[in-house]
Amino acid sequence: MAQKKQTYREAMQEVEDILSSIENDEPDVDELAEKVKKVSQLLKFCKDKLYKTREEVEQVLKDMDE
């Protein structure tokens, strides 16, 4: 079965959840390293999604001007 593609909103919610967990639960060092790594991956996904969306919008606007 195919895995559902994560959305920008879901990724940002996961980042917020992880950061809240770090702030409130005081994870041990091993757990903290894993959480920071996951947040880094999620933020990269969000950044890439934003750039791609910007390019798509710019292309649509360019096409409208033609």
Protein backbone atom coordinates (compact mmCIF):
# COMPACT_ATOMS: atom_id res chain seq x y z
CA MET A 1 0.00 0.00 0.00
CA ALA A 2 1.36 3.44 -0.96
CA GLN A 3 2.24 5.83 1.81
CA LYS A 4 0.36 9.16 1.85
CA LYS A 5 2.49 12.09 0.75
CA GLN A 6 3.07 14.54 3.59
CA THR A 7 1.76 18.06 3.15
CA TYR A 8 3.46 21.29 4.12
CA ARG A 9 0.88 21.84 6.86
CA GLU A 10 1.41 18.34 8.29
CA ALA A 11 5.18 18.79 8.26
CA MET A 12 4.97 22.13 10.06
CA GLN A 13 2.59 20.66 12.62
CA GLU A 14 5.05 17.83 13.25
CA VAL A 15 7.87 20.38 13.71
CA GLU A 16 5.75 22.28 16.24
CA ASP A 17 4.90 19.05 18.07
CA ILE A 18 8.54 17.99 18.28
CA LEU A 19 9.68 21.41 19.47
CA SER A 20 6.95 21.46 22.11
CA SER A 21 8.02 18.00 23.22
CA ILE A 22 11.65 19.12 23.50
CA GLU A 23 10.68 22.19 25.51
CA ASN A 24 8.32 20.38 27.87
CA ASP A 25 9.66 16.85 28.27
CA GLU A 26 13.43 17.38 28.56
CA PRO A 27 14.41 14.36 26.41
CA ASP A 28 17.66 12.50 27.00
CA VAL A 29 20.64 13.23 24.73
CA ASP A 30 20.02 10.31 22.33
CA GLU A 31 16.37 11.18 21.94
CA LEU A 32 17.18 14.88 21.53
CA ALA A 33 19.62 14.15 18.69
CA GLU A 34 16.97 12.13 16.85
CA LYS A 35 14.34 14.81 17.32
CA VAL A 36 16.66 17.56 16.07
CA LYS A 37 17.53 15.42 13.03
CA LYS A 38 13.83 14.88 12.26
CA VAL A 39 13.07 18.61 12.59
CA SER A 40 15.95 19.36 10.22
CA GLN A 41 14.52 16.95 7.63
CA LEU A 42 11.03 18.41 7.99
CA LEU A 43 12.28 21.98 7.63
CA LYS A 44 14.19 21.04 4.48
CA PHE A 45 11.01 19.48 3.07
CA CYS A 46 9.06 22.67 3.88
CA LYS A 47 11.72 24.91 2.36
CA ASP A 48 11.78 22.85 -0.84
CA LYS A 49 7.97 22.90 -1.00
CA LEU A 50 7.91 26.69 -0.63
CA TYR A 51 10.48 27.19 -3.40
CA LYS A 52 8.66 24.83 -5.74
CA THR A 53 5.33 26.52 -5.07
CA ARG A 54 6.85 29.95 -5.68
CA GLU A 55 8.26 28.77 -9.02
CA GLU A 56 4.89 27.32 -10.02
CA VAL A 57 3.05 30.54 -9.14
CA GLU A 58 5.60 32.64 -11.02
CA GLN A 59 5.17 30.40 -14.08
CA VAL A 60 1.38 30.72 -13.94
CA LEU A 61 1.65 34.51 -13.69
CA LYS A 62 4.12 34.57 -16.59
CA ASP A 63 1.78 32.43 -18.70
CA MET A 64 -1.09 34.80 -17.93
CA ASP A 65 0.93 37.75 -19.26
CA GLU A 66 1.50 36.05 -22.62
